[in-house]
Structure formats: structure tokens, C-alpha cells
N, C-alpha and C. Protein backbone atom coordinates (compact mmCIF):
# COMPACT_ATOMS: atom_id res chain seq x y z
N MET A 1 48.69 -0.13 26.06
CA MET A 1 47.62 -0.94 25.54
C MET A 1 47.60 -2.25 26.30
N VAL A 2 46.47 -2.62 26.77
CA VAL A 2 46.30 -3.90 27.42
C VAL A 2 45.52 -4.78 26.45
N GLY A 3 46.02 -5.96 26.19
CA GLY A 3 45.32 -6.83 25.26
C GLY A 3 46.24 -7.87 24.68
N ASP A 4 45.81 -8.45 23.58
CA ASP A 4 46.58 -9.50 22.93
C ASP A 4 47.48 -8.92 21.85
N VAL A 5 48.14 -9.80 21.13
CA VAL A 5 49.07 -9.38 20.08
C VAL A 5 48.37 -8.56 19.01
N ALA A 6 47.17 -8.96 18.63
CA ALA A 6 46.44 -8.21 17.60
C ALA A 6 46.15 -6.78 18.05
N ASP A 7 45.77 -6.61 19.31
CA ASP A 7 45.54 -5.27 19.85
C ASP A 7 46.83 -4.45 19.83
N PHE A 8 47.92 -5.09 20.26
CA PHE A 8 49.21 -4.41 20.29
C PHE A 8 49.63 -4.02 18.87
N LYS A 9 49.47 -4.95 17.93
CA LYS A 9 49.86 -4.70 16.54
C LYS A 9 49.10 -3.51 15.97
N SER A 10 47.82 -3.46 16.23
CA SER A 10 46.99 -2.36 15.75
C SER A 10 47.43 -1.03 16.35
N ALA A 11 47.66 -1.01 17.66
CA ALA A 11 48.08 0.22 18.33
C ALA A 11 49.47 0.65 17.87
N LEU A 12 50.38 -0.31 17.69
CA LEU A 12 51.73 0.00 17.23
C LEU A 12 51.71 0.59 15.83
N TRP A 13 50.88 0.01 14.96
CA TRP A 13 50.79 0.51 13.59
C TRP A 13 50.26 1.95 13.57
N ALA A 14 49.24 2.21 14.40
CA ALA A 14 48.69 3.57 14.48
C ALA A 14 49.76 4.55 14.96
N LEU A 15 50.51 4.16 15.96
CA LEU A 15 51.58 5.00 16.48
C LEU A 15 52.66 5.21 15.41
N ALA A 16 53.01 4.16 14.71
CA ALA A 16 54.01 4.27 13.64
C ALA A 16 53.55 5.24 12.55
N LEU A 17 52.28 5.18 12.19
CA LEU A 17 51.74 6.11 11.19
C LEU A 17 51.79 7.55 11.70
N ASP A 18 51.43 7.75 12.97
CA ASP A 18 51.47 9.09 13.56
C ASP A 18 52.87 9.70 13.51
N HIS A 19 53.88 8.84 13.57
CA HIS A 19 55.26 9.33 13.60
C HIS A 19 56.01 9.08 12.29
N ASP A 20 55.27 8.79 11.22
CA ASP A 20 55.85 8.60 9.89
C ASP A 20 56.91 7.51 9.81
N VAL A 21 56.85 6.52 10.67
CA VAL A 21 57.83 5.45 10.63
C VAL A 21 57.81 4.69 9.30
N PRO A 22 56.64 4.40 8.72
CA PRO A 22 56.66 3.68 7.44
C PRO A 22 57.39 4.44 6.33
N CYS A 23 57.54 5.74 6.48
CA CYS A 23 58.22 6.55 5.47
C CYS A 23 59.68 6.81 5.81
N ALA A 24 60.12 6.33 6.96
CA ALA A 24 61.49 6.60 7.40
C ALA A 24 62.50 5.90 6.50
N ALA A 25 63.60 6.58 6.26
CA ALA A 25 64.66 5.99 5.43
C ALA A 25 65.33 4.85 6.17
N ARG A 26 65.44 4.98 7.48
CA ARG A 26 66.09 3.94 8.31
C ARG A 26 65.27 3.76 9.58
N SER A 27 65.11 2.52 9.99
CA SER A 27 64.45 2.24 11.26
C SER A 27 64.96 0.92 11.81
N SER A 28 64.79 0.74 13.10
CA SER A 28 65.21 -0.50 13.74
C SER A 28 64.20 -0.88 14.81
N VAL A 29 64.18 -2.15 15.13
CA VAL A 29 63.36 -2.66 16.22
C VAL A 29 64.30 -3.44 17.13
N THR A 30 64.35 -3.03 18.39
CA THR A 30 65.18 -3.71 19.38
C THR A 30 64.24 -4.37 20.37
N ALA A 31 64.35 -5.69 20.51
CA ALA A 31 63.42 -6.44 21.36
C ALA A 31 64.10 -7.70 21.87
N ASP A 32 63.38 -8.42 22.74
CA ASP A 32 63.90 -9.71 23.19
C ASP A 32 63.70 -10.73 22.07
N GLY A 33 63.94 -11.97 22.31
CA GLY A 33 63.90 -12.97 21.26
C GLY A 33 62.54 -13.58 20.99
N ALA A 34 61.46 -12.98 21.50
CA ALA A 34 60.12 -13.57 21.34
C ALA A 34 59.71 -13.61 19.86
N ALA A 35 59.29 -14.80 19.43
CA ALA A 35 58.92 -14.99 18.01
C ALA A 35 57.79 -14.08 17.57
N TRP A 36 56.80 -13.84 18.45
CA TRP A 36 55.66 -13.01 18.03
C TRP A 36 56.10 -11.60 17.67
N ILE A 37 57.11 -11.09 18.34
CA ILE A 37 57.60 -9.74 18.03
C ILE A 37 58.22 -9.72 16.63
N TRP A 38 59.08 -10.71 16.35
CA TRP A 38 59.75 -10.73 15.06
C TRP A 38 58.76 -10.98 13.93
N ASN A 39 57.71 -11.76 14.19
CA ASN A 39 56.67 -11.96 13.19
C ASN A 39 55.95 -10.65 12.89
N LEU A 40 55.62 -9.91 13.93
CA LEU A 40 54.96 -8.61 13.77
C LEU A 40 55.86 -7.65 12.99
N VAL A 41 57.13 -7.62 13.35
CA VAL A 41 58.08 -6.73 12.67
C VAL A 41 58.20 -7.10 11.20
N ALA A 42 58.29 -8.39 10.92
CA ALA A 42 58.41 -8.83 9.52
C ALA A 42 57.19 -8.42 8.71
N ASP A 43 56.00 -8.48 9.33
CA ASP A 43 54.77 -8.11 8.62
C ASP A 43 54.64 -6.60 8.42
N ASP A 44 54.85 -5.83 9.48
CA ASP A 44 54.55 -4.40 9.44
C ASP A 44 55.75 -3.50 9.15
N PHE A 45 56.95 -3.96 9.47
CA PHE A 45 58.15 -3.14 9.30
C PHE A 45 59.25 -3.97 8.64
N PRO A 46 58.98 -4.49 7.45
CA PRO A 46 59.92 -5.44 6.83
C PRO A 46 61.30 -4.86 6.52
N ASP A 47 61.40 -3.54 6.39
CA ASP A 47 62.69 -2.93 6.07
C ASP A 47 63.47 -2.52 7.31
N SER A 48 62.89 -2.70 8.49
CA SER A 48 63.57 -2.32 9.73
C SER A 48 64.68 -3.31 10.07
N ILE A 49 65.72 -2.78 10.66
CA ILE A 49 66.80 -3.61 11.19
C ILE A 49 66.27 -4.25 12.47
N GLN A 50 66.44 -5.55 12.60
CA GLN A 50 65.98 -6.27 13.79
C GLN A 50 67.18 -6.53 14.70
N ILE A 51 67.03 -6.15 15.97
CA ILE A 51 68.13 -6.26 16.93
C ILE A 51 67.62 -6.93 18.20
N VAL A 52 68.32 -7.99 18.63
CA VAL A 52 68.02 -8.59 19.93
C VAL A 52 68.63 -7.69 20.99
N ASP A 53 67.82 -7.33 21.96
CA ASP A 53 68.27 -6.50 23.07
C ASP A 53 69.53 -7.09 23.71
N TRP A 54 70.54 -6.25 23.90
CA TRP A 54 71.84 -6.67 24.44
C TRP A 54 71.68 -7.35 25.80
N TYR A 55 70.85 -6.82 26.65
CA TYR A 55 70.66 -7.40 27.98
C TYR A 55 70.10 -8.81 27.87
N HIS A 56 69.10 -9.02 27.00
CA HIS A 56 68.52 -10.35 26.84
C HIS A 56 69.54 -11.34 26.26
N ALA A 57 70.32 -10.89 25.31
CA ALA A 57 71.36 -11.77 24.74
C ALA A 57 72.35 -12.18 25.82
N ASN A 58 72.71 -11.23 26.69
CA ASN A 58 73.62 -11.54 27.79
C ASN A 58 73.01 -12.51 28.79
N GLU A 59 71.72 -12.39 29.04
CA GLU A 59 71.06 -13.35 29.93
C GLU A 59 71.16 -14.76 29.36
N HIS A 60 70.92 -14.88 28.06
CA HIS A 60 71.03 -16.20 27.41
C HIS A 60 72.47 -16.70 27.44
N LEU A 61 73.41 -15.80 27.27
CA LEU A 61 74.82 -16.19 27.33
C LEU A 61 75.17 -16.73 28.71
N ALA A 62 74.69 -16.09 29.76
CA ALA A 62 74.94 -16.56 31.13
C ALA A 62 74.32 -17.94 31.37
N ARG A 63 73.09 -18.13 30.89
CA ARG A 63 72.45 -19.45 31.04
C ARG A 63 73.22 -20.52 30.26
N ALA A 64 73.70 -20.17 29.08
CA ALA A 64 74.49 -21.12 28.28
C ALA A 64 75.79 -21.47 29.00
N ALA A 65 76.43 -20.48 29.62
CA ALA A 65 77.67 -20.73 30.36
C ALA A 65 77.43 -21.72 31.50
N HIS A 66 76.34 -21.54 32.22
CA HIS A 66 76.04 -22.45 33.34
C HIS A 66 75.64 -23.83 32.84
N ALA A 67 75.05 -23.91 31.67
CA ALA A 67 74.73 -25.22 31.08
C ALA A 67 76.00 -25.92 30.61
N LEU A 68 76.95 -25.14 30.12
CA LEU A 68 78.21 -25.68 29.63
C LEU A 68 79.08 -26.18 30.78
N TYR A 69 79.04 -25.47 31.90
CA TYR A 69 79.83 -25.83 33.07
C TYR A 69 78.92 -25.91 34.30
N PRO A 70 78.04 -26.90 34.35
CA PRO A 70 77.04 -26.94 35.42
C PRO A 70 77.61 -27.17 36.83
N LYS A 71 78.79 -27.76 36.91
CA LYS A 71 79.36 -28.08 38.22
C LYS A 71 80.57 -27.22 38.55
N ASN A 72 80.86 -26.23 37.71
CA ASN A 72 82.04 -25.41 37.93
C ASN A 72 81.67 -23.94 37.70
N ILE A 73 81.26 -23.28 38.75
CA ILE A 73 80.80 -21.89 38.66
C ILE A 73 81.89 -20.96 38.14
N GLU A 74 83.13 -21.18 38.59
CA GLU A 74 84.22 -20.32 38.13
C GLU A 74 84.45 -20.47 36.63
N ALA A 75 84.42 -21.71 36.13
CA ALA A 75 84.61 -21.93 34.70
C ALA A 75 83.46 -21.33 33.90
N ALA A 76 82.25 -21.47 34.42
CA ALA A 76 81.08 -20.88 33.74
C ALA A 76 81.23 -19.36 33.67
N GLN A 77 81.63 -18.75 34.77
CA GLN A 77 81.80 -17.30 34.82
C GLN A 77 82.91 -16.85 33.87
N ARG A 78 84.00 -17.62 33.86
CA ARG A 78 85.13 -17.29 32.98
C ARG A 78 84.70 -17.36 31.51
N TRP A 79 83.98 -18.44 31.12
CA TRP A 79 83.53 -18.59 29.74
C TRP A 79 82.55 -17.47 29.37
N TYR A 80 81.65 -17.18 30.29
CA TYR A 80 80.68 -16.09 30.07
C TYR A 80 81.41 -14.78 29.79
N GLN A 81 82.39 -14.45 30.62
CA GLN A 81 83.13 -13.20 30.43
C GLN A 81 83.93 -13.21 29.13
N GLN A 82 84.52 -14.36 28.78
CA GLN A 82 85.28 -14.46 27.53
C GLN A 82 84.38 -14.30 26.32
N MET A 83 83.16 -14.80 26.40
CA MET A 83 82.24 -14.77 25.26
C MET A 83 81.50 -13.44 25.11
N GLN A 84 81.55 -12.59 26.13
CA GLN A 84 80.89 -11.29 26.01
C GLN A 84 81.53 -10.44 24.91
N THR A 85 82.84 -10.52 24.76
CA THR A 85 83.52 -9.74 23.72
C THR A 85 83.10 -10.19 22.33
N PRO A 86 83.16 -11.51 22.02
CA PRO A 86 82.67 -11.91 20.69
C PRO A 86 81.21 -11.54 20.47
N LEU A 87 80.39 -11.67 21.49
CA LEU A 87 78.99 -11.28 21.34
C LEU A 87 78.88 -9.79 21.02
N PHE A 88 79.60 -8.97 21.76
CA PHE A 88 79.56 -7.52 21.56
C PHE A 88 80.07 -7.13 20.18
N GLN A 89 80.97 -7.95 19.63
CA GLN A 89 81.52 -7.68 18.31
C GLN A 89 80.72 -8.33 17.19
N GLY A 90 79.64 -9.05 17.56
CA GLY A 90 78.80 -9.69 16.54
C GLY A 90 79.36 -10.99 16.02
N GLN A 91 80.32 -11.57 16.72
CA GLN A 91 80.94 -12.84 16.31
C GLN A 91 80.24 -14.00 17.03
N VAL A 92 78.99 -14.16 16.74
CA VAL A 92 78.13 -15.10 17.46
C VAL A 92 78.54 -16.55 17.21
N TRP A 93 79.13 -16.83 16.06
CA TRP A 93 79.57 -18.20 15.78
C TRP A 93 80.55 -18.71 16.83
N LYS A 94 81.31 -17.80 17.46
CA LYS A 94 82.26 -18.21 18.50
C LYS A 94 81.54 -18.72 19.75
N ILE A 95 80.28 -18.37 19.89
CA ILE A 95 79.45 -18.86 20.99
C ILE A 95 78.75 -20.15 20.57
N ILE A 96 78.25 -20.17 19.35
CA ILE A 96 77.47 -21.31 18.84
C ILE A 96 78.31 -22.59 18.80
N GLN A 97 79.53 -22.49 18.28
CA GLN A 97 80.36 -23.69 18.09
C GLN A 97 80.59 -24.49 19.37
N PRO A 98 81.04 -23.88 20.46
CA PRO A 98 81.25 -24.69 21.67
C PRO A 98 79.95 -25.26 22.25
N LEU A 99 78.86 -24.53 22.07
CA LEU A 99 77.57 -25.03 22.56
C LEU A 99 77.14 -26.24 21.75
N GLU A 100 77.32 -26.19 20.45
CA GLU A 100 76.98 -27.35 19.61
C GLU A 100 77.87 -28.54 19.93
N ARG A 101 79.17 -28.31 20.08
CA ARG A 101 80.10 -29.40 20.41
C ARG A 101 79.73 -30.08 21.73
N ALA A 102 79.19 -29.29 22.66
CA ALA A 102 78.79 -29.84 23.96
C ALA A 102 77.40 -30.46 23.94
N GLY A 103 76.74 -30.41 22.78
CA GLY A 103 75.40 -30.98 22.68
C GLY A 103 74.32 -30.13 23.31
N LEU A 104 74.59 -28.85 23.49
CA LEU A 104 73.62 -27.92 24.09
C LEU A 104 72.83 -27.24 22.98
N ASP A 105 72.05 -28.06 22.28
CA ASP A 105 71.35 -27.60 21.08
C ASP A 105 70.36 -26.47 21.35
N ASP A 106 69.65 -26.50 22.47
CA ASP A 106 68.69 -25.43 22.76
C ASP A 106 69.39 -24.08 22.90
N HIS A 107 70.51 -24.08 23.59
CA HIS A 107 71.26 -22.83 23.77
C HIS A 107 71.87 -22.38 22.44
N ALA A 108 72.44 -23.33 21.70
CA ALA A 108 73.03 -22.99 20.40
C ALA A 108 71.95 -22.47 19.44
N ARG A 109 70.77 -23.07 19.49
CA ARG A 109 69.68 -22.67 18.59
C ARG A 109 69.29 -21.21 18.82
N TYR A 110 69.24 -20.77 20.07
CA TYR A 110 68.89 -19.38 20.35
C TYR A 110 69.85 -18.43 19.63
N PHE A 111 71.14 -18.69 19.77
CA PHE A 111 72.13 -17.81 19.15
C PHE A 111 72.15 -17.95 17.63
N ARG A 112 71.95 -19.18 17.12
CA ARG A 112 71.89 -19.39 15.69
C ARG A 112 70.68 -18.68 15.08
N THR A 113 69.53 -18.82 15.73
CA THR A 113 68.30 -18.20 15.24
C THR A 113 68.42 -16.68 15.17
N HIS A 114 69.08 -16.11 16.15
CA HIS A 114 69.15 -14.64 16.24
C HIS A 114 70.50 -14.06 15.81
N GLN A 115 71.32 -14.86 15.18
CA GLN A 115 72.66 -14.41 14.82
C GLN A 115 72.64 -13.09 14.03
N ARG A 116 71.75 -12.97 13.06
CA ARG A 116 71.69 -11.73 12.26
C ARG A 116 71.18 -10.56 13.09
N ARG A 117 70.50 -10.85 14.17
CA ARG A 117 69.97 -9.80 15.06
C ARG A 117 70.97 -9.43 16.15
N MET A 118 72.14 -10.08 16.14
CA MET A 118 73.16 -9.84 17.17
C MET A 118 74.45 -9.30 16.56
N GLN A 119 74.35 -8.56 15.50
CA GLN A 119 75.52 -7.95 14.87
C GLN A 119 75.79 -6.61 15.55
N TYR A 120 76.10 -6.68 16.84
CA TYR A 120 76.17 -5.48 17.68
C TYR A 120 77.23 -4.47 17.23
N LEU A 121 78.37 -4.93 16.78
CA LEU A 121 79.39 -4.00 16.30
C LEU A 121 78.86 -3.20 15.12
N GLN A 122 78.28 -3.87 14.16
CA GLN A 122 77.71 -3.20 12.99
C GLN A 122 76.58 -2.25 13.41
N PHE A 123 75.70 -2.72 14.30
CA PHE A 123 74.58 -1.87 14.73
C PHE A 123 75.08 -0.61 15.42
N ARG A 124 76.09 -0.76 16.27
CA ARG A 124 76.63 0.41 16.97
C ARG A 124 77.28 1.37 15.98
N GLU A 125 78.01 0.82 15.01
CA GLU A 125 78.66 1.66 14.00
C GLU A 125 77.63 2.45 13.19
N GLU A 126 76.45 1.87 13.00
CA GLU A 126 75.39 2.53 12.25
C GLU A 126 74.44 3.33 13.15
N ALA A 127 74.82 3.46 14.43
CA ALA A 127 74.09 4.27 15.42
C ALA A 127 72.70 3.73 15.75
N TYR A 128 72.51 2.43 15.65
CA TYR A 128 71.25 1.83 16.09
C TYR A 128 71.36 1.48 17.57
N PRO A 129 70.27 1.60 18.31
CA PRO A 129 70.31 1.21 19.73
C PRO A 129 70.35 -0.31 19.86
N ILE A 130 71.21 -0.83 20.73
CA ILE A 130 71.28 -2.28 20.92
C ILE A 130 70.58 -2.70 22.20
N GLY A 131 70.06 -1.75 22.94
CA GLY A 131 69.35 -2.07 24.17
C GLY A 131 67.97 -1.44 24.17
N SER A 132 67.07 -2.07 24.88
CA SER A 132 65.70 -1.56 24.97
C SER A 132 65.43 -0.92 26.33
N GLY A 133 66.49 -0.58 27.04
CA GLY A 133 66.36 -0.03 28.39
C GLY A 133 65.52 1.23 28.48
N THR A 134 65.62 2.13 27.52
CA THR A 134 64.84 3.37 27.60
C THR A 134 63.35 3.08 27.50
N VAL A 135 62.99 2.13 26.64
CA VAL A 135 61.57 1.77 26.51
C VAL A 135 61.09 1.07 27.78
N GLU A 136 61.90 0.14 28.28
CA GLU A 136 61.51 -0.58 29.49
C GLU A 136 61.41 0.36 30.69
N SER A 137 62.28 1.36 30.74
CA SER A 137 62.19 2.36 31.80
C SER A 137 60.89 3.15 31.69
N GLY A 138 60.52 3.49 30.47
CA GLY A 138 59.26 4.19 30.26
C GLY A 138 58.07 3.36 30.70
N ILE A 139 58.12 2.08 30.43
CA ILE A 139 57.03 1.19 30.84
C ILE A 139 56.91 1.16 32.35
N LYS A 140 58.04 1.18 33.04
CA LYS A 140 58.02 1.18 34.51
C LYS A 140 57.31 2.42 35.05
N GLN A 141 57.38 3.54 34.31
CA GLN A 141 56.69 4.75 34.74
C GLN A 141 55.17 4.53 34.78
N PHE A 142 54.68 3.71 33.89
CA PHE A 142 53.26 3.38 33.87
C PHE A 142 52.94 2.31 34.90
N LYS A 143 53.81 1.32 34.95
CA LYS A 143 53.56 0.16 35.82
C LYS A 143 53.47 0.57 37.29
N THR A 144 54.32 1.50 37.71
CA THR A 144 54.31 1.89 39.12
C THR A 144 52.95 2.44 39.55
N ARG A 145 52.25 3.05 38.63
CA ARG A 145 50.93 3.62 38.95
C ARG A 145 49.83 2.56 38.97
N LEU A 146 50.09 1.44 38.34
CA LEU A 146 49.03 0.44 38.15
C LEU A 146 49.14 -0.80 39.04
N VAL A 147 50.26 -0.99 39.71
CA VAL A 147 50.44 -2.25 40.43
C VAL A 147 50.66 -2.08 41.93
N GLY A 148 50.14 -1.02 42.51
CA GLY A 148 50.29 -0.82 43.94
C GLY A 148 49.53 -1.86 44.75
N PRO A 149 49.82 -1.93 46.03
CA PRO A 149 49.14 -2.91 46.89
C PRO A 149 47.62 -2.75 46.83
N GLY A 150 46.95 -3.85 46.62
CA GLY A 150 45.48 -3.86 46.61
C GLY A 150 44.84 -3.34 45.34
N MET A 151 45.63 -2.91 44.37
CA MET A 151 45.05 -2.36 43.13
C MET A 151 44.58 -3.49 42.22
N ARG A 152 43.40 -3.33 41.70
CA ARG A 152 42.84 -4.25 40.70
C ARG A 152 42.21 -3.38 39.62
N TRP A 153 42.48 -3.69 38.39
CA TRP A 153 42.01 -2.86 37.29
C TRP A 153 41.25 -3.71 36.28
N SER A 154 40.14 -3.20 35.83
CA SER A 154 39.48 -3.79 34.67
C SER A 154 40.25 -3.31 33.45
N ARG A 155 40.11 -3.97 32.34
CA ARG A 155 40.80 -3.57 31.12
C ARG A 155 40.43 -2.14 30.71
N PRO A 156 39.13 -1.78 30.67
CA PRO A 156 38.78 -0.40 30.28
C PRO A 156 39.36 0.64 31.24
N ALA A 157 39.34 0.35 32.52
CA ALA A 157 39.88 1.31 33.50
C ALA A 157 41.40 1.44 33.35
N ALA A 158 42.09 0.33 33.11
CA ALA A 158 43.54 0.38 32.91
C ALA A 158 43.88 1.19 31.66
N GLN A 159 43.11 1.00 30.60
CA GLN A 159 43.38 1.76 29.38
C GLN A 159 43.16 3.26 29.59
N ARG A 160 42.14 3.62 30.36
CA ARG A 160 41.92 5.04 30.67
C ARG A 160 43.06 5.58 31.53
N MET A 161 43.53 4.77 32.46
CA MET A 161 44.64 5.19 33.32
C MET A 161 45.91 5.37 32.49
N PHE A 162 46.14 4.52 31.49
CA PHE A 162 47.30 4.69 30.62
C PHE A 162 47.26 6.05 29.94
N ILE A 163 46.11 6.45 29.47
CA ILE A 163 45.96 7.75 28.81
C ILE A 163 46.27 8.88 29.78
N LEU A 164 45.71 8.79 30.98
CA LEU A 164 45.96 9.83 31.99
C LEU A 164 47.44 9.87 32.38
N ARG A 165 48.03 8.69 32.60
CA ARG A 165 49.44 8.63 33.01
C ARG A 165 50.33 9.19 31.91
N ALA A 166 50.04 8.88 30.66
CA ALA A 166 50.83 9.41 29.54
C ALA A 166 50.72 10.93 29.49
N ALA A 167 49.54 11.45 29.71
CA ALA A 167 49.35 12.91 29.69
C ALA A 167 50.14 13.57 30.81
N ILE A 168 50.18 12.95 31.96
CA ILE A 168 50.96 13.50 33.08
C ILE A 168 52.45 13.45 32.77
N LEU A 169 52.93 12.30 32.31
CA LEU A 169 54.36 12.14 32.02
C LEU A 169 54.81 13.03 30.87
N ASN A 170 53.93 13.27 29.91
CA ASN A 170 54.25 14.14 28.76
C ASN A 170 54.04 15.62 29.07
N GLN A 171 53.56 15.89 30.27
CA GLN A 171 53.27 17.26 30.72
C GLN A 171 52.26 17.95 29.81
N ASP A 172 51.28 17.19 29.33
CA ASP A 172 50.20 17.81 28.56
C ASP A 172 48.83 17.38 29.09
N PHE A 173 48.77 17.22 30.40
CA PHE A 173 47.53 16.82 31.05
C PHE A 173 46.41 17.82 30.77
N ASP A 174 46.73 19.12 30.82
CA ASP A 174 45.70 20.15 30.56
C ASP A 174 45.17 20.06 29.15
N LEU A 175 46.04 19.73 28.18
CA LEU A 175 45.59 19.59 26.80
C LEU A 175 44.60 18.43 26.63
N LEU A 176 44.74 17.42 27.47
CA LEU A 176 43.83 16.27 27.41
C LEU A 176 42.40 16.73 27.65
N TRP A 177 42.23 17.67 28.58
CA TRP A 177 40.88 18.12 28.92
C TRP A 177 40.31 19.06 27.85
N ILE A 178 41.17 19.80 27.18
CA ILE A 178 40.71 20.68 26.10
C ILE A 178 40.19 19.83 24.95
N ALA A 179 40.86 18.70 24.66
CA ALA A 179 40.47 17.82 23.55
C ALA A 179 39.18 17.06 23.88
N ALA A 180 38.88 16.90 25.14
CA ALA A 180 37.72 16.06 25.52
C ALA A 180 36.40 16.72 25.29
């Protein structure tokens, strides 16, 4: 879907209904830390477990390490590696405290805001995915067809191409023509 948040929300809800997600006993949403995503999830999937993508959390951890030790790359790398274990175990307070003590409020705020979404040990124990890599990989399958050299797409043409690309990737291209 190409469009704004409202377009995405509408398409996501339709897809969720098609797959009985609102009736699921358990569900989760794994995403980056963008506020609009969590607002959408809170509105449409209030019972879903919210999880910050492990890769994005690690990116923020690396940036926090470099902010904590801006002139000492080895110390930043060492702290980053030491803090990966507490992060992986859901012990986010071990990251927040040193950031707050150093006055790195923006970095601390990210981890404080998403602390409940970073309970990775618990999520793994309950078999929830902590990474969004499979979804992002799927998106790349579409993107490669749409962003070649010299390609320019209008919104309607891109949306039609998404339908065709999905039919090809799902191996039901012939069914698309029967339905038309």
C-alpha cells in the first residue's frame, strides 16, 4: 500500500480481518520505535503484545554507547557489547541508569519509553518473534521491482504493480486473471 498512515491502517485492518487476527487468542506486533505504529496498534490491536524490533533496539544501544563514550571508541564498543546481554534478557534498567547518570536523557528516554516492549527474554520464552527481519525481507521483494534505475511510478501504477508482484511471489498469478 502506498499512502499515509490512514491508508495503511485501513489496509492493515482489512488484512487482519481476512486472517482472523482480531479473534486470535494471542498476537504480537514487532516494529521499530515509531510512535505512529504504537498508536495504531493500541487502537486496532489493544490485546497484542508490543515488541520493539531487536535490530532497532541494538541500533539505539550502539548510538547510546557512542554518546556515552564519544572520544573513546574502544570503551563505547566494550559498553555496547556488555549491554547487549541485559538488553537481550529484558533488563533494560541496566542500560537506562548509566545513560541517565551521564545526562544522556534522549537516549535514556528511548529505552525508558520502550522498556515494556523490550522484554526479550519473556517474549522468546513465549515464542513471540523479536525481530521484523522476515517482514522487511518480504518488503525488499517488492522494492526491488519498483526502484530500478530510471523507474518512476504514479501511486495508482505502483499499487497495481504491488498486486501483480504479490501474485507472482505467491505463485498465484494465473488466479489473478481468473478473478478479473
